[in-house]
Protein backbone atom coordinates (compact mmCIF):
# COMPACT_ATOMS: atom_id res chain seq x y z
CA MET A 1 -20.31 -22.39 163.00
CA ASN A 2 -22.57 -24.78 164.82
CA LEU A 3 -24.04 -28.12 163.73
CA VAL A 4 -27.33 -26.66 162.61
CA ASP A 5 -25.58 -24.07 160.40
CA SER A 6 -23.35 -26.73 158.82
CA CYS A 7 -25.75 -29.62 158.47
CA GLY A 8 -27.09 -28.68 155.05
CA TRP A 9 -30.72 -29.72 155.58
CA LEU A 10 -31.95 -26.48 154.02
CA GLU A 11 -29.15 -25.87 151.51
CA TYR A 12 -29.05 -29.46 150.20
CA ARG A 13 -32.67 -30.42 150.96
CA LEU A 14 -31.59 -33.40 153.05
CA PRO A 15 -33.94 -35.00 155.58
CA MET A 16 -33.06 -33.78 159.11
CA ALA A 17 -31.50 -37.03 160.25
CA GLY A 18 -29.38 -37.32 157.12
CA ALA A 19 -28.30 -33.70 157.46
CA VAL A 20 -27.01 -34.35 160.98
CA ILE A 21 -25.06 -37.38 159.76
CA TYR A 22 -23.62 -35.35 156.86
CA ALA A 23 -22.70 -32.44 159.20
CA THR A 24 -20.96 -34.87 161.52
CA CYS A 25 -18.91 -36.24 158.70
CA LEU A 26 -17.96 -32.70 157.59
CA ARG A 27 -17.03 -31.69 161.15
CA TYR A 28 -14.67 -34.67 161.59
CA HIS A 29 -13.34 -34.62 158.00
CA ALA A 30 -14.74 -38.10 157.38
CA VAL A 31 -16.03 -39.71 154.25
CA LEU A 32 -19.68 -40.75 154.30
CA TRP A 33 -20.14 -44.16 152.63
CA THR A 34 -23.79 -44.66 151.66
CA GLN A 35 -26.30 -46.15 149.28
CA ASP A 36 -28.77 -43.30 150.01
CA SER A 37 -29.25 -41.22 146.82
CA HIS A 38 -29.89 -38.08 148.85
CA PHE A 39 -26.09 -37.85 149.34
CA ALA A 40 -24.89 -38.91 145.89
CA ALA A 41 -23.77 -35.49 144.59
CA LEU A 42 -22.35 -34.10 147.82
CA ASP A 43 -18.70 -33.60 148.62
CA HIS A 44 -17.02 -36.07 151.01
CA VAL A 45 -19.53 -38.76 150.08
CA GLN A 46 -18.74 -42.18 148.61
CA PHE A 47 -21.95 -43.26 147.00
CA ILE A 48 -22.45 -46.95 146.17
CA GLU A 49 -25.37 -47.87 143.93
CA LYS A 50 -27.69 -50.58 145.24
CA ARG A 51 -27.73 -53.78 143.34
């Protein structure tokens, strides 16, 4: 599977740049820490609400 297949920009309706970031986290088994609500419901994401 290549990066484009795994990035999720079509499946999860992520913006392209966000999809590349998410795919990179998945590839390296990392947790994505973010305040971007596009990622809130995805696996391997730690979402922190903005104050």
